[in-house]
């Protein structure tokens, strides 16, 4: 069906809500109609994410209902008893998140599948924990993470509490594809579901259990003098992060008042991403007022955390995900001496090698997985069953971290607590977190990273991204500065090429559209189309003997690569 017919089909539907009908009728731009209807909003291996509104290529109650109906069918095909095990549903502070969560619960309830719906917004990691705690068949989180206010999303979790990996996601996608239309999917109201006891509310008891699991990972710090400024960036982290810090003994935690309460408009942070320095503007002003040692900020669904400390000049330094990850790996491994010899740190293929070198210096194994914390969670579950490794710590460059086995997704609650614990540890030694980072650089070399994200929307954007990826599959890139290319990895083809010997080997990871160029000094760059946004991401990680040398090499590599684009 072409986009014009799809558009008219929606207008012809009697059950289309009046709100969405008026939205469609008000559109005068033909390109806008095409963008809303030229395709179905894709449910991929990373779930579904898109702008909210009317249309097949938008997040709305109908597209949510379709995906949920497919999920219910998938779960019942896997095991007929999954109706009783049920699905846990959580949501963040975004507009329509509660509405979409209730719709998902209503569809499952109508199918006879028990839905465990959180009473209010909760962090994504608590959903992961709850799936495991309740022995549920799966989970759903309604969130678009750090995207602007126009977006929302839908993530699906398996029975281990981790996001669905490729094989399971493919089976679910096939089930969704069998559903011919988004209209007419049976759905009950929340009141009907509660009366029939197929929708059950989750609240305080789960909060208590989650808090207990998180605090068990951390060291108590009674009467700590550490001064912390915290911002939940209008999201779901406010209560759980503050509660955990208080229970661990951090008495001097000041919350940014303008960003404390849930706000789907993200009024003070239109792009609520802890990777963006601007979201910490209010926090830095507050930190100056109260003399804070550290600033922490969690994204709207509280699975990622940003950290701001002071450098040697007393100025604010926003740590990258790679820097915070390496610091946490170093601190955690040297303070958890009871970890067994088969301990392992897991990171992603687009994460800096600094954390890996740090982990190895503490006697830990290091594993690289594809981008996405679900692959870290998958390894955790495998190791729990096989005993081959003991999971110590997992992280990715995009500010996601996890210690402990209570969840299978990145957790900004435990990460916030560990950052405070680590900062207090160094403060007692007369050091700042920044000085601890410099010590790691002096020991292992200076690592500098950067990411270029090219936004390429619509049909033309998809075509351009594919063209760029194919170009780099064929490009000759022998090296830069004094670094020589030694390895080229094509993760979609599953082939790693040794550029010195020419020998090709198989990459033992699921297929993914990622290209990585590796040099002989631990530097590398990689290209990866985003799985959740219309973007092509180009990652750079460069090393040098000094910060100046690493910075100059990074700028040179970045220029050479972008020139090819």
Protein backbone atom coordinates (compact mmCIF):
# COMPACT_ATOMS: atom_id res chain seq x y z
CA UNK A 1 0.00 0.00 0.00
CA UNK A 2 1.45 3.38 -0.97
CA UNK A 3 1.52 6.19 1.56
CA UNK A 4 -1.52 8.01 0.13
CA UNK A 5 -3.70 4.92 0.40
CA UNK A 6 -2.39 4.20 3.89
CA UNK A 7 -3.18 7.79 4.90
CA UNK A 8 -6.74 7.53 3.57
CA UNK A 9 -7.16 4.12 5.22
CA UNK A 10 -6.49 5.69 8.60
CA UNK A 11 -8.94 8.50 7.98
CA UNK A 12 -11.59 5.92 7.00
CA UNK A 13 -11.24 4.03 10.30
CA UNK A 14 -14.24 4.61 12.56
CA UNK A 15 -12.25 3.67 15.66
CA UNK A 16 -9.50 6.23 15.01
CA UNK A 17 -9.43 8.56 18.00
CA UNK A 18 -10.73 12.06 17.41
CA UNK A 19 -7.41 13.51 18.59
CA UNK A 20 -5.40 11.62 15.95
CA UNK A 21 -8.04 12.22 13.27
CA UNK A 22 -7.81 15.98 13.78
CA UNK A 23 -4.02 15.74 13.73
CA UNK A 24 -4.10 14.02 10.33
CA UNK A 25 -6.69 16.34 8.83
CA UNK A 26 -4.62 19.36 9.83
CA UNK A 27 -1.56 18.25 7.81
CA UNK A 28 -1.06 20.26 4.62
CA UNK A 29 2.52 19.24 3.79
CA UNK A 30 2.63 16.28 1.40
CA UNK A 31 6.14 15.35 2.59
CA UNK A 32 4.85 15.11 6.15
CA UNK A 33 2.07 12.73 5.08
CA UNK A 34 4.60 10.65 3.18
CA UNK A 35 6.93 10.44 6.19
CA UNK A 36 4.09 9.30 8.44
CA UNK A 37 2.83 6.58 6.09
CA UNK A 38 5.56 5.47 3.68
CA UNK A 39 6.47 2.59 6.00
CA UNK A 40 5.49 0.95 9.27
CA UNK A 41 7.38 2.10 12.34
CA UNK A 42 10.01 -0.60 12.49
CA UNK A 43 10.24 -2.98 15.40
CA UNK A 44 13.86 -4.06 15.23
CA UNK A 45 16.26 -5.95 17.46
CA UNK A 46 16.46 -2.83 19.65
CA UNK A 47 12.70 -2.48 19.97
CA UNK A 48 10.63 0.34 18.50
CA UNK A 49 11.25 4.07 18.75
CA UNK A 50 9.90 7.03 16.85
CA UNK A 51 8.06 10.33 16.92
CA UNK A 52 4.63 10.26 18.54
CA UNK A 53 1.58 11.00 16.43
CA UNK A 54 -0.86 9.60 13.91
CA UNK A 55 0.44 7.29 11.18
CA UNK A 56 1.95 3.89 10.56
CA UNK A 57 5.44 5.35 11.02
CA UNK A 58 4.64 6.92 14.40
CA UNK A 59 4.35 5.86 18.03
CA UNK A 60 0.67 5.80 18.95
CA UNK A 61 -1.79 3.59 20.78
CA UNK A 62 -2.45 1.55 17.63
CA UNK A 63 1.16 0.75 16.77
CA UNK A 64 1.73 -0.10 20.45
CA UNK A 65 -1.29 -2.41 20.41
CA UNK A 66 -0.03 -4.20 17.30
CA UNK A 67 3.42 -4.88 18.73
CA UNK A 68 1.95 -6.00 22.05
CA UNK A 69 -0.47 -8.38 20.35
CA UNK A 70 2.47 -9.86 18.45
CA UNK A 71 4.39 -10.20 21.72
CA UNK A 72 1.47 -12.00 23.35
CA UNK A 73 1.22 -14.41 20.40
CA UNK A 74 4.97 -15.00 20.49
CA UNK A 75 5.01 -15.75 24.22
CA UNK A 76 2.08 -18.17 24.02
CA UNK A 77 3.72 -20.00 21.12
CA UNK A 78 6.90 -20.33 23.18
CA UNK A 79 5.07 -21.77 26.20
CA UNK A 80 1.33 -21.90 26.80
CA UNK A 81 2.03 -21.39 30.51
CA UNK A 82 3.41 -17.92 29.76
CA UNK A 83 -0.12 -16.55 30.18
CA UNK A 84 0.30 -17.15 33.90
CA UNK A 85 3.94 -16.05 34.17
CA UNK A 86 2.92 -12.77 32.60
CA UNK A 87 4.68 -9.65 31.40
CA UNK A 88 5.98 -6.76 33.55
CA UNK A 89 5.38 -3.25 32.18
CA UNK A 90 7.21 -0.06 33.19
CA UNK A 91 7.32 3.43 31.73
CA UNK A 92 9.14 6.75 32.06
CA UNK A 93 8.10 10.41 32.30
CA UNK A 94 7.46 11.04 28.60
CA UNK A 95 4.18 12.23 27.19
CA UNK A 96 1.84 9.27 26.57
CA UNK A 97 4.12 6.78 28.33
CA UNK A 98 1.46 5.91 30.89
CA UNK A 99 -1.20 5.72 28.16
CA UNK A 100 0.92 3.38 26.03
CA UNK A 101 1.76 1.21 29.08
CA UNK A 102 -1.93 0.85 29.94
CA UNK A 103 -2.70 -0.01 26.30
CA UNK A 104 -0.05 -2.74 26.35
CA UNK A 105 -1.46 -4.10 29.60
CA UNK A 106 -4.97 -3.97 28.10
CA UNK A 107 -4.00 -5.96 25.01
CA UNK A 108 -2.20 -8.63 27.03
CA UNK A 109 -5.04 -8.82 29.55
CA UNK A 110 -7.58 -9.34 26.77
CA UNK A 111 -5.42 -12.24 25.52
CA UNK A 112 -5.49 -13.76 29.00
CA UNK A 113 -1.83 -12.96 29.67
CA UNK A 114 -1.18 -11.50 33.11
CA UNK A 115 0.20 -7.96 32.98
CA UNK A 116 2.19 -6.60 35.92
CA UNK A 117 1.91 -2.84 35.54
CA UNK A 118 3.97 -0.44 37.65
CA UNK A 119 1.79 2.05 39.52
CA UNK A 120 3.96 5.00 38.52
CA UNK A 121 7.04 5.71 36.43
CA UNK A 122 10.05 3.56 37.31
CA UNK A 123 13.67 3.18 36.09
CA UNK A 124 14.30 0.72 33.26
CA UNK A 125 16.72 -1.34 35.43
CA UNK A 126 13.95 -1.91 37.98
CA UNK A 127 11.88 -3.44 35.18
CA UNK A 128 14.76 -5.78 34.38
CA UNK A 129 14.99 -6.70 38.05
CA UNK A 130 11.22 -7.16 38.36
CA UNK A 131 11.06 -9.61 35.45
CA UNK A 132 13.59 -11.79 37.25
CA UNK A 133 12.05 -11.28 40.68
CA UNK A 134 8.53 -12.26 39.54
CA UNK A 135 9.70 -15.07 37.25
CA UNK A 136 7.81 -13.38 34.42
CA UNK A 137 7.87 -14.47 30.80
CA UNK A 138 9.01 -11.02 29.67
CA UNK A 139 8.89 -7.29 30.12
CA UNK A 140 8.04 -4.06 28.34
CA UNK A 141 9.44 -0.58 28.93
CA UNK A 142 7.82 2.45 27.35
CA UNK A 143 10.67 4.93 26.90
CA UNK A 144 12.69 6.74 24.27
CA UNK A 145 15.66 7.09 26.61
CA UNK A 146 17.41 10.41 25.93
CA UNK A 147 15.58 11.43 22.74
CA UNK A 148 13.79 14.81 22.49
CA UNK A 149 10.23 15.17 23.81
CA UNK A 150 8.59 14.33 20.46
CA UNK A 151 9.77 10.71 20.73
CA UNK A 152 8.71 7.61 22.58
CA UNK A 153 9.64 3.97 22.34
CA UNK A 154 8.92 0.36 23.23
CA UNK A 155 11.55 -2.11 24.46
CA UNK A 156 10.95 -5.82 25.05
CA UNK A 157 12.70 -7.98 27.64
CA UNK A 158 13.06 -11.74 27.89
CA UNK A 159 12.57 -13.96 30.96
CA UNK A 160 16.17 -13.39 32.11
CA UNK A 161 15.48 -9.65 32.43
CA UNK A 162 17.62 -8.73 29.42
CA UNK A 163 16.48 -7.07 26.23
CA UNK A 164 15.63 -9.59 23.54
CA UNK A 165 18.66 -10.64 21.52
CA UNK A 166 18.67 -11.34 17.80
CA UNK A 167 17.14 -14.83 17.58
CA UNK A 168 14.26 -14.07 19.96
CA UNK A 169 13.70 -10.62 18.45
CA UNK A 170 13.56 -12.09 14.93
CA UNK A 171 10.89 -14.58 16.03
CA UNK A 172 8.89 -11.76 17.62
CA UNK A 173 9.26 -9.58 14.52
CA UNK A 174 7.94 -12.46 12.39
CA UNK A 175 4.91 -12.74 14.70
CA UNK A 176 4.23 -8.99 14.46
CA UNK A 177 4.49 -9.16 10.66
CA UNK A 178 1.53 -11.59 10.58
CA UNK A 179 -0.79 -8.92 11.98
CA UNK A 180 -2.42 -7.30 8.91
CA UNK A 181 -3.66 -4.09 10.49
CA UNK A 182 -3.16 -1.93 13.59
CA UNK A 183 -6.91 -1.44 14.00
CA UNK A 184 -9.34 -3.86 15.59
CA UNK A 185 -6.88 -5.36 18.08
CA UNK A 186 -8.86 -6.37 21.20
CA UNK A 187 -8.00 -4.35 24.31
CA UNK A 188 -9.52 -4.02 27.77
CA UNK A 189 -9.43 -0.98 30.03
CA UNK A 190 -7.26 -0.82 33.12
CA UNK A 191 -10.33 -1.04 35.34
CA UNK A 192 -11.59 -4.15 33.50
CA UNK A 193 -8.19 -5.79 33.75
CA UNK A 194 -7.88 -5.13 37.47
CA UNK A 195 -11.39 -6.38 38.13
CA UNK A 196 -10.66 -9.59 36.23
CA UNK A 197 -7.26 -9.86 37.96
CA UNK A 198 -5.33 -10.10 34.69
CA UNK A 199 -3.74 -6.69 35.27
CA UNK A 200 -1.88 -6.53 38.58
CA UNK A 201 -0.26 -3.38 39.93
CA UNK A 202 3.40 -3.36 41.03
CA UNK A 203 4.70 -0.83 43.53
CA UNK A 204 6.34 -0.45 46.94
CA UNK A 205 7.26 -4.08 47.56
CA UNK A 206 9.19 -4.23 44.30
CA UNK A 207 10.86 -0.90 45.08
CA UNK A 208 12.05 -2.31 48.40
CA UNK A 209 13.43 -5.46 46.81
CA UNK A 210 15.19 -3.51 44.05
CA UNK A 211 16.75 -1.08 46.54
CA UNK A 212 17.99 -4.01 48.64
CA UNK A 213 19.58 -5.62 45.58
CA UNK A 214 21.33 -2.40 44.54
CA UNK A 215 22.66 -1.49 47.99
CA UNK A 216 24.04 -5.04 48.37
CA UNK A 217 26.46 -4.29 45.52
CA UNK A 218 27.79 -1.12 47.16
CA UNK A 219 29.86 -0.44 50.26
CA UNK A 220 28.01 1.46 53.01
CA UNK A 221 29.48 4.88 53.69
CA UNK A 222 27.85 6.03 56.94
CA UNK A 223 28.06 9.74 57.67
CA UNK A 224 29.94 10.43 54.44
CA UNK A 225 31.08 14.02 54.01
CA UNK A 226 30.97 13.78 50.21
CA UNK A 227 28.95 16.60 48.68
CA UNK A 228 26.85 15.52 45.71
CA UNK A 229 24.66 17.42 43.27
CA UNK A 230 22.18 15.18 41.48
CA UNK A 231 19.83 15.81 38.55
CA UNK A 232 17.28 13.26 37.32
CA UNK A 233 16.74 15.39 34.18
CA UNK A 234 12.95 15.36 34.68
CA UNK A 235 12.91 11.56 34.58
CA UNK A 236 12.37 8.44 36.67
CA UNK A 237 15.62 8.46 38.66
CA UNK A 238 14.70 11.00 41.33
CA UNK A 239 13.28 8.74 44.03
CA UNK A 240 15.34 5.54 43.55
CA UNK A 241 18.72 7.27 43.25
CA UNK A 242 18.12 9.49 46.27
CA UNK A 243 16.82 6.58 48.32
CA UNK A 244 19.83 4.37 47.56
CA UNK A 245 22.32 7.16 48.30
CA UNK A 246 20.56 7.94 51.59
CA UNK A 247 20.52 4.30 52.67
CA UNK A 248 24.25 4.03 51.91
CA UNK A 249 25.02 7.03 54.13
CA UNK A 250 25.42 9.98 51.75
CA UNK A 251 23.93 12.86 53.73
CA UNK A 252 24.89 15.79 51.53
CA UNK A 253 22.94 15.17 48.31
CA UNK A 254 21.42 18.26 46.71
CA UNK A 255 18.94 17.84 43.86
CA UNK A 256 18.64 20.40 41.08
CA UNK A 257 15.14 21.74 41.87
CA UNK A 258 14.30 22.82 38.31
CA UNK A 259 14.96 19.27 37.04
CA UNK A 260 13.65 17.27 40.00
CA UNK A 261 10.08 16.47 38.98
CA UNK A 262 8.92 14.40 35.98
CA UNK A 263 8.29 16.59 32.94
CA UNK A 264 7.54 15.16 29.52
CA UNK A 265 8.51 18.46 27.91
CA UNK A 266 12.02 18.28 29.44
CA UNK A 267 11.66 22.02 29.90
CA UNK A 268 15.22 22.73 31.08
CA UNK A 269 16.89 20.04 28.93
CA UNK A 270 15.24 19.68 25.50
CA UNK A 271 17.75 16.92 24.65
CA UNK A 272 17.88 15.10 28.02
CA UNK A 273 21.09 13.23 27.31
CA UNK A 274 23.81 13.02 30.01
CA UNK A 275 26.35 12.91 27.18
CA UNK A 276 25.49 16.55 26.48
CA UNK A 277 27.33 19.08 28.68
CA UNK A 278 24.48 21.60 28.42
CA UNK A 279 22.11 19.46 30.53
CA UNK A 280 24.43 20.06 33.49
CA UNK A 281 24.36 23.86 33.31
CA UNK A 282 21.97 24.21 36.25
CA UNK A 283 23.74 21.47 38.18
CA UNK A 284 27.14 23.14 37.77
CA UNK A 285 25.78 26.46 39.05
CA UNK A 286 24.28 24.67 42.06
CA UNK A 287 27.52 22.75 42.64
CA UNK A 288 29.43 26.04 42.80
CA UNK A 289 26.96 27.34 45.38
CA UNK A 290 27.19 24.33 47.68
CA UNK A 291 30.82 23.37 47.05
CA UNK A 292 29.95 19.94 45.63
CA UNK A 293 32.65 17.34 44.97
CA UNK A 294 30.73 15.56 42.21
CA UNK A 295 27.72 15.97 39.94
CA UNK A 296 25.71 13.02 38.68
CA UNK A 297 22.85 13.12 36.18
CA UNK A 298 20.62 10.28 35.01
CA UNK A 299 18.66 10.14 31.76
CA UNK A 300 14.82 9.98 31.71
CA UNK A 301 14.54 6.19 32.14
CA UNK A 302 17.51 6.11 34.54
CA UNK A 303 19.62 3.50 32.82
CA UNK A 304 22.51 5.84 31.94
CA UNK A 305 24.45 8.29 34.11
CA UNK A 306 26.70 11.25 33.35
CA UNK A 307 29.41 12.42 35.74
CA UNK A 308 30.93 15.88 36.22
CA UNK A 309 33.94 16.52 38.46
CA UNK A 310 36.53 19.23 38.92
CA UNK A 311 39.89 19.24 37.17
CA UNK A 312 43.20 20.46 38.60
CA UNK A 313 42.18 24.08 38.00
CA UNK A 314 38.92 23.60 39.89
CA UNK A 315 36.94 23.82 36.66
CA UNK A 316 34.15 21.41 35.81
CA UNK A 317 35.15 18.42 33.71
CA UNK A 318 32.39 16.35 32.08
CA UNK A 319 33.62 12.76 31.96
CA UNK A 320 32.92 10.68 28.88
CA UNK A 321 31.31 7.27 29.16
CA UNK A 322 34.65 5.70 28.36
CA UNK A 323 36.41 7.67 31.09
CA UNK A 324 33.81 6.90 33.75
CA UNK A 325 33.77 3.26 32.67
CA UNK A 326 37.54 2.89 32.96
CA UNK A 327 37.52 4.59 36.38
CA UNK A 328 34.75 2.31 37.63
CA UNK A 329 36.47 -0.81 36.30
CA UNK A 330 39.69 0.19 38.08
CA UNK A 331 37.97 1.11 41.35
CA UNK A 332 35.62 -1.86 41.44
CA UNK A 333 38.28 -4.47 40.73
CA UNK A 334 40.75 -3.12 43.27
CA UNK A 335 38.14 -2.83 46.04
CA UNK A 336 36.31 -6.15 45.44
CA UNK A 337 39.23 -8.44 46.16
CA UNK A 338 36.93 -11.41 46.84
CA UNK A 339 36.07 -11.71 43.14
CA UNK A 340 37.28 -15.10 41.81
CA UNK A 341 40.10 -15.64 39.33
CA UNK A 342 37.66 -16.16 36.44
CA UNK A 343 36.21 -12.65 36.82
CA UNK A 344 35.43 -10.89 33.59
CA UNK A 345 34.66 -7.37 32.37
CA UNK A 346 32.39 -7.09 29.34
CA UNK A 347 32.34 -4.07 27.06
CA UNK A 348 31.14 -3.31 23.55
CA UNK A 349 33.11 -3.18 20.30
CA UNK A 350 32.76 0.63 20.14
CA UNK A 351 34.05 1.15 23.68
CA UNK A 352 37.60 2.40 24.29
CA UNK A 353 40.38 -0.11 24.93
CA UNK A 354 41.42 1.78 28.09
CA UNK A 355 38.92 -0.08 30.27
CA UNK A 356 40.10 -3.38 28.84
CA UNK A 357 43.74 -2.62 29.62
CA UNK A 358 42.77 -1.54 33.14
CA UNK A 359 40.77 -4.75 33.68
CA UNK A 360 43.65 -6.93 32.51
CA UNK A 361 46.03 -5.11 34.85
CA UNK A 362 43.81 -6.34 37.71
CA UNK A 363 43.83 -9.92 36.43
CA UNK A 364 40.35 -9.85 34.89
CA UNK A 365 39.35 -11.27 31.55
CA UNK A 366 37.86 -8.93 28.95
CA UNK A 367 35.17 -9.72 26.41
CA UNK A 368 33.90 -7.50 23.59
CA UNK A 369 30.31 -7.80 22.39
CA UNK A 370 28.16 -5.98 19.84
CA UNK A 371 26.78 -2.55 20.65
CA UNK A 372 23.80 -2.80 22.98
CA UNK A 373 23.69 -3.78 26.62
CA UNK A 374 21.47 -6.75 25.77
CA UNK A 375 24.57 -8.56 24.55
CA UNK A 376 26.29 -7.96 27.87
CA UNK A 377 23.17 -9.27 29.63
CA UNK A 378 23.14 -12.33 27.36
CA UNK A 379 26.72 -13.16 28.37
CA UNK A 380 25.82 -12.74 32.04
CA UNK A 381 23.02 -15.27 31.75
CA UNK A 382 25.27 -17.71 29.84
CA UNK A 383 28.01 -17.45 32.49
CA UNK A 384 25.49 -17.97 35.28
CA UNK A 385 24.55 -21.27 33.63
CA UNK A 386 27.99 -22.46 32.50
CA UNK A 387 30.25 -21.07 35.23
CA UNK A 388 32.89 -20.27 32.58
CA UNK A 389 33.30 -16.73 33.93
CA UNK A 390 32.14 -14.70 36.89
CA UNK A 391 30.66 -11.40 35.78
CA UNK A 392 32.36 -8.47 37.50
CA UNK A 393 31.41 -5.39 35.54
CA UNK A 394 29.84 -4.41 32.23
CA UNK A 395 29.72 -1.10 30.43
CA UNK A 396 29.42 0.71 27.12
CA UNK A 397 30.72 4.05 25.91
CA UNK A 398 27.20 5.52 25.87
CA UNK A 399 27.17 5.95 29.67
CA UNK A 400 25.65 2.59 30.67
CA UNK A 401 27.16 0.53 33.54
CA UNK A 402 26.26 -2.49 35.64
CA UNK A 403 27.78 -4.41 38.55
CA UNK A 404 26.05 -7.36 40.19
CA UNK A 405 23.72 -10.05 38.88
CA UNK A 406 20.34 -8.70 40.01
CA UNK A 407 19.51 -7.20 36.59
CA UNK A 408 20.37 -7.71 32.93
CA UNK A 409 20.40 -4.11 31.75
CA UNK A 410 22.50 -1.06 32.48
CA UNK A 411 21.56 0.62 35.74
CA UNK A 412 22.13 4.29 36.54
CA UNK A 413 20.96 3.71 40.13
CA UNK A 414 23.81 1.38 41.05
CA UNK A 415 26.21 3.34 38.83
CA UNK A 416 25.35 6.58 40.64
CA UNK A 417 26.02 4.92 43.98
CA UNK A 418 29.34 3.46 42.78
CA UNK A 419 30.45 6.82 41.37
CA UNK A 420 29.78 8.43 44.76
CA UNK A 421 31.56 5.58 46.55
CA UNK A 422 34.55 5.92 44.21
CA UNK A 423 34.69 9.71 44.51
CA UNK A 424 34.58 9.49 48.30
CA UNK A 425 37.36 6.86 48.24
CA UNK A 426 39.66 9.22 46.35
CA UNK A 427 38.59 12.27 48.35
CA UNK A 428 39.78 10.53 51.52
CA UNK A 429 43.16 10.17 49.80
CA UNK A 430 43.22 13.87 48.93
CA UNK A 431 42.49 13.23 45.23
CA UNK A 432 39.75 14.25 42.85
CA UNK A 433 38.16 11.86 40.38
CA UNK A 434 39.89 13.78 37.61
CA UNK A 435 43.30 13.18 39.22
CA UNK A 436 42.49 9.47 39.45
CA UNK A 437 41.77 9.50 35.70
CA UNK A 438 45.10 11.18 34.94
CA UNK A 439 46.84 8.43 36.92
CA UNK A 440 45.19 5.82 34.69
CA UNK A 441 46.34 7.70 31.60
CA UNK A 442 49.91 7.85 32.87
CA UNK A 443 49.85 4.12 33.46
CA UNK A 444 48.10 2.97 30.29
CA UNK A 445 48.40 5.84 27.79
CA UNK A 446 46.14 8.75 26.92
CA UNK A 447 42.91 7.71 25.23
CA UNK A 448 40.66 10.28 23.57
CA UNK A 449 37.33 9.46 21.99
CA UNK A 450 34.79 11.24 19.83
CA UNK A 451 31.55 10.43 18.05
CA UNK A 452 30.14 12.02 14.92
CA UNK A 453 26.40 11.41 14.51
CA UNK A 454 25.01 12.18 11.06
CA UNK A 455 21.23 12.64 11.12
CA UNK A 456 19.77 11.30 7.88
CA UNK A 457 15.98 11.03 7.99
CA UNK A 458 13.39 9.54 5.69
CA UNK A 459 13.78 7.43 2.56
CA UNK A 460 16.69 9.50 1.26
CA UNK A 461 18.45 9.25 4.61
CA UNK A 462 18.28 5.44 4.68
CA UNK A 463 19.69 5.30 1.16
CA UNK A 464 22.56 7.65 2.04
CA UNK A 465 23.49 5.63 5.13
CA UNK A 466 23.63 2.43 3.06
CA UNK A 467 25.78 4.15 0.43
CA UNK A 468 28.29 5.36 3.03
CA UNK A 469 28.55 1.91 4.63
CA UNK A 470 29.16 0.24 1.27
CA UNK A 471 31.80 2.84 0.39
CA UNK A 472 33.75 2.10 3.57
CA UNK A 473 33.56 -1.62 2.93
CA UNK A 474 35.60 -0.98 -0.22
CA UNK A 475 37.78 1.95 0.88
CA UNK A 476 41.56 1.75 1.26
CA UNK A 477 42.60 3.26 4.60
CA UNK A 478 46.18 2.15 5.38
CA UNK A 479 46.68 4.33 8.45
CA UNK A 480 47.00 7.81 9.91
CA UNK A 481 49.83 9.72 11.62
CA UNK A 482 52.23 6.99 12.79
CA UNK A 483 49.52 4.35 13.23
CA UNK A 484 49.18 1.47 10.76
CA UNK A 485 45.97 -0.38 10.00
CA UNK A 486 46.30 -3.95 11.24
CA UNK A 487 42.72 -5.22 11.23
CA UNK A 488 39.44 -4.58 9.41
CA UNK A 489 36.27 -6.07 10.91
CA UNK A 490 33.04 -6.33 8.95
CA UNK A 491 30.51 -7.51 11.52
CA UNK A 492 27.73 -7.86 8.96
CA UNK A 493 29.80 -10.26 6.88
CA UNK A 494 31.20 -11.79 10.07
CA UNK A 495 34.77 -11.54 8.78
CA UNK A 496 37.90 -10.09 10.39
CA UNK A 497 40.76 -9.38 7.98
CA UNK A 498 44.36 -9.23 9.20
CA UNK A 499 45.69 -6.36 7.07
CA UNK A 500 49.32 -7.47 7.49
CA UNK A 501 49.00 -11.14 6.53
CA UNK A 502 45.73 -10.96 4.60
CA UNK A 503 44.32 -13.85 6.63
CA UNK A 504 40.55 -13.76 7.15
CA UNK A 505 38.89 -15.23 10.23
CA UNK A 506 35.29 -15.59 11.36
CA UNK A 507 33.95 -13.15 13.96
CA UNK A 508 32.10 -15.14 16.61
CA UNK A 509 29.33 -12.57 17.16
CA UNK A 510 25.83 -12.12 15.73
CA UNK A 511 25.70 -10.32 12.40
CA UNK A 512 25.43 -6.54 12.69
CA UNK A 513 25.94 -3.69 10.23
CA UNK A 514 29.15 -2.36 11.81
CA UNK A 515 32.59 -1.70 10.31
CA UNK A 516 35.69 -1.27 12.50
CA UNK A 517 39.21 -0.22 11.45
CA UNK A 518 41.84 -1.15 14.07
CA UNK A 519 45.38 0.30 14.20
CA UNK A 520 48.60 -0.93 15.78
CA UNK A 521 48.54 1.55 18.71
CA UNK A 522 45.07 0.59 20.14
CA UNK A 523 43.46 3.38 18.09
CA UNK A 524 40.42 2.59 15.96
CA UNK A 525 37.35 4.02 14.27
CA UNK A 526 34.00 2.40 13.54
CA UNK A 527 30.84 3.12 11.57
CA UNK A 528 27.42 1.96 12.78
CA UNK A 529 23.89 2.95 11.73
CA UNK A 530 21.88 3.62 14.88
CA UNK A 531 19.29 1.00 15.72
CA UNK A 532 16.95 3.52 17.36
CA UNK A 533 17.43 6.82 15.50
CA UNK A 534 17.83 7.93 11.85
CA UNK A 535 21.57 8.43 12.35
CA UNK A 536 24.89 7.09 11.17
CA UNK A 537 27.35 7.05 14.05
CA UNK A 538 31.11 7.24 13.51
CA UNK A 539 33.16 6.40 16.58
CA UNK A 540 36.79 7.43 17.07
CA UNK A 541 39.20 6.22 19.74
CA UNK A 542 42.80 7.41 19.57
CA UNK A 543 45.81 6.94 21.84
CA UNK A 544 48.95 8.94 22.45
CA UNK A 545 51.82 9.31 24.91
CA UNK A 546 50.40 12.67 26.00
CA UNK A 547 46.97 14.28 25.95
CA UNK A 548 48.21 16.75 23.33
CA UNK A 549 49.48 14.00 21.04
CA UNK A 550 46.29 11.97 21.39
CA UNK A 551 44.16 15.03 20.67
CA UNK A 552 46.10 15.93 17.55
CA UNK A 553 45.92 12.35 16.26
CA UNK A 554 42.19 12.23 16.92
CA UNK A 555 41.61 15.43 14.97
CA UNK A 556 43.68 14.10 12.07
CA UNK A 557 41.85 10.76 11.96
CA UNK A 558 38.47 12.44 12.24
CA UNK A 559 39.31 14.78 9.35
CA UNK A 560 40.55 11.96 7.11
CA UNK A 561 37.45 9.86 7.73
CA UNK A 562 34.90 12.67 7.35
CA UNK A 563 36.63 13.78 4.14
CA UNK A 564 35.82 10.37 2.68
CA UNK A 565 32.15 10.86 3.53
